[in-house]
Amino acid sequence: MNAIAITQSNPPLPQPQLEPAGITFDQYAEYTPENLELRNGYLGYGGQDQTGFHLAVLTNIGLLATIRNTEVSLWLEALDGHLRLRLG
């Protein structure tokens, strides 16, 4: 009798858009922490990679609303730094 290997893969990371959008239940279950903690002024949980959680929040909020609540100069500085790293 052959055993069938079942590979478990994570759902795709949420993809923020300009307008608010929903995430799937699988993304919620995988990327939302059970216990959100505040440590040294930072929201987090157990030292795990928080990329999926951050992207889920940004997806739900939408990038336009995020920008409206943040200084434009900070976005420009972040984009400049990111592009300088990527373009070398």
C-alpha atoms as a PDB file:
ATOM      1  CA  MET A   1       0.000   0.000   0.000  1.00  0.00           C
ATOM      2  CA  ASN A   2       1.506   3.342  -1.035  1.00  0.00           C
ATOM      3  CA  ALA A   3       1.234   6.281   1.300  1.00  0.00           C
ATOM      4  CA  ILE A   4       0.223   9.523  -0.308  1.00  0.00           C
ATOM      5  CA  ALA A   5       2.261  12.444   0.910  1.00  0.00           C
ATOM      6  CA  ILE A   6       0.089  15.369   1.806  1.00  0.00           C
ATOM      7  CA  THR A   7       1.857  18.663   1.570  1.00  0.00           C
ATOM      8  CA  GLN A   8       0.391  21.474   3.555  1.00  0.00           C
ATOM      9  CA  SER A   9       0.940  24.890   2.069  1.00  0.00           C
ATOM     10  CA  ASN A  10       0.109  28.276   3.466  1.00  0.00           C
ATOM     11  CA  PRO A  11      -2.559  30.353   1.790  1.00  0.00           C
ATOM     12  CA  PRO A  12      -1.218  33.154  -0.390  1.00  0.00           C
ATOM     13  CA  LEU A  13      -0.244  36.336   1.384  1.00  0.00           C
ATOM     14  CA  PRO A  14      -2.944  39.020   1.326  1.00  0.00           C
ATOM     15  CA  GLN A  15      -2.369  41.599  -1.415  1.00  0.00           C
ATOM     16  CA  PRO A  16      -3.254  45.162  -0.366  1.00  0.00           C
ATOM     17  CA  GLN A  17      -5.094  47.240  -2.962  1.00  0.00           C
ATOM     18  CA  LEU A  18      -5.923  50.934  -3.128  1.00  0.00           C
ATOM     19  CA  GLU A  19      -9.425  50.377  -1.728  1.00  0.00           C
ATOM     20  CA  PRO A  20     -10.308  48.157   1.263  1.00  0.00           C
ATOM     21  CA  ALA A  21     -10.651  44.469   0.406  1.00  0.00           C
ATOM     22  CA  GLY A  22     -11.437  41.288   2.252  1.00  0.00           C
ATOM     23  CA  ILE A  23      -9.180  38.370   3.042  1.00  0.00           C
ATOM     24  CA  THR A  24     -10.111  34.707   2.980  1.00  0.00           C
ATOM     25  CA  PHE A  25     -10.845  32.682   6.084  1.00  0.00           C
ATOM     26  CA  ASP A  26      -7.692  30.634   5.387  1.00  0.00           C
ATOM     27  CA  GLN A  27      -5.616  33.826   5.324  1.00  0.00           C
ATOM     28  CA  TYR A  28      -7.266  34.971   8.551  1.00  0.00           C
ATOM     29  CA  ALA A  29      -6.581  31.631  10.252  1.00  0.00           C
ATOM     30  CA  GLU A  30      -2.964  31.517   9.065  1.00  0.00           C
ATOM     31  CA  TYR A  31      -1.859  35.118   9.493  1.00  0.00           C
ATOM     32  CA  THR A  32      -3.888  36.576  12.376  1.00  0.00           C
ATOM     33  CA  PRO A  33      -2.340  35.974  15.786  1.00  0.00           C
ATOM     34  CA  GLU A  34      -4.410  34.253  18.455  1.00  0.00           C
ATOM     35  CA  ASN A  35      -2.911  36.515  21.082  1.00  0.00           C
ATOM     36  CA  LEU A  36      -1.881  39.946  19.953  1.00  0.00           C
ATOM     37  CA  GLU A  37       0.679  41.332  22.390  1.00  0.00           C
ATOM     38  CA  LEU A  38       2.184  44.726  23.089  1.00  0.00           C
ATOM     39  CA  ARG A  39       5.924  44.535  23.801  1.00  0.00           C
ATOM     40  CA  ASN A  40       8.085  47.599  24.181  1.00  0.00           C
ATOM     41  CA  GLY A  41       5.473  49.647  22.335  1.00  0.00           C
ATOM     42  CA  TYR A  42       5.182  47.220  19.384  1.00  0.00           C
ATOM     43  CA  LEU A  43       2.198  45.057  18.444  1.00  0.00           C
ATOM     44  CA  GLY A  44       3.313  41.517  17.813  1.00  0.00           C
ATOM     45  CA  TYR A  45       3.157  37.911  18.772  1.00  0.00           C
ATOM     46  CA  GLY A  46       5.743  35.347  19.739  1.00  0.00           C
ATOM     47  CA  GLY A  47       8.616  36.503  17.553  1.00  0.00           C
ATOM     48  CA  GLN A  48       7.046  35.044  14.415  1.00  0.00           C
ATOM     49  CA  ASP A  49       7.215  36.609  10.964  1.00  0.00           C
ATOM     50  CA  GLN A  50       4.413  39.162  10.943  1.00  0.00           C
ATOM     51  CA  THR A  51       4.372  39.891   7.202  1.00  0.00           C
ATOM     52  CA  GLY A  52       1.054  38.094   6.614  1.00  0.00           C
ATOM     53  CA  PHE A  53      -0.585  39.898   9.529  1.00  0.00           C
ATOM     54  CA  HIS A  54       0.635  43.302   8.336  1.00  0.00           C
ATOM     55  CA  LEU A  55      -0.529  42.628   4.782  1.00  0.00           C
ATOM     56  CA  ALA A  56      -3.937  41.438   6.025  1.00  0.00           C
ATOM     57  CA  VAL A  57      -4.432  44.665   7.982  1.00  0.00           C
ATOM     58  CA  LEU A  58      -3.351  46.795   5.010  1.00  0.00           C
ATOM     59  CA  THR A  59      -5.656  44.801   2.729  1.00  0.00           C
ATOM     60  CA  ASN A  60      -8.617  45.423   5.020  1.00  0.00           C
ATOM     61  CA  ILE A  61      -7.833  49.135   5.434  1.00  0.00           C
ATOM     62  CA  GLY A  62      -6.819  49.826   1.840  1.00  0.00           C
ATOM     63  CA  LEU A  63      -3.725  51.746   0.830  1.00  0.00           C
ATOM     64  CA  LEU A  64      -5.539  55.015   0.152  1.00  0.00           C
ATOM     65  CA  ALA A  65      -6.927  55.150   3.694  1.00  0.00           C
ATOM     66  CA  THR A  66      -3.500  54.230   5.038  1.00  0.00           C
ATOM     67  CA  ILE A  67      -1.893  57.085   3.137  1.00  0.00           C
ATOM     68  CA  ARG A  68      -4.562  59.552   4.255  1.00  0.00           C
ATOM     69  CA  ASN A  69      -3.620  58.834   7.865  1.00  0.00           C
ATOM     70  CA  THR A  70       0.151  59.128   7.413  1.00  0.00           C
ATOM     71  CA  GLU A  71       2.362  62.054   6.456  1.00  0.00           C
ATOM     72  CA  VAL A  72       3.054  62.039   2.706  1.00  0.00           C
ATOM     73  CA  SER A  73       6.724  62.874   3.331  1.00  0.00           C
ATOM     74  CA  LEU A  74       7.137  59.563   5.180  1.00  0.00           C
ATOM     75  CA  TRP A  75       5.713  57.628   2.207  1.00  0.00           C
ATOM     76  CA  LEU A  76       8.054  59.435  -0.162  1.00  0.00           C
ATOM     77  CA  GLU A  77      11.027  58.733   2.100  1.00  0.00           C
ATOM     78  CA  ALA A  78      10.079  55.055   2.364  1.00  0.00           C
ATOM     79  CA  LEU A  79       9.616  54.711  -1.399  1.00  0.00           C
ATOM     80  CA  ASP A  80      12.900  56.477  -2.066  1.00  0.00           C
ATOM     81  CA  GLY A  81      14.768  54.158   0.292  1.00  0.00           C
ATOM     82  CA  HIS A  82      13.093  51.076  -1.154  1.00  0.00           C
ATOM     83  CA  LEU A  83      13.824  52.061  -4.762  1.00  0.00           C
ATOM     84  CA  ARG A  84      17.450  52.872  -3.951  1.00  0.00           C
ATOM     85  CA  LEU A  85      17.897  49.367  -2.494  1.00  0.00           C
ATOM     86  CA  ARG A  86      16.180  47.647  -5.417  1.00  0.00           C
ATOM     87  CA  LEU A  87      17.867  49.610  -8.147  1.00  0.00           C
ATOM     88  CA  GLY A  88      21.231  49.565  -6.409  1.00  0.00           C
END
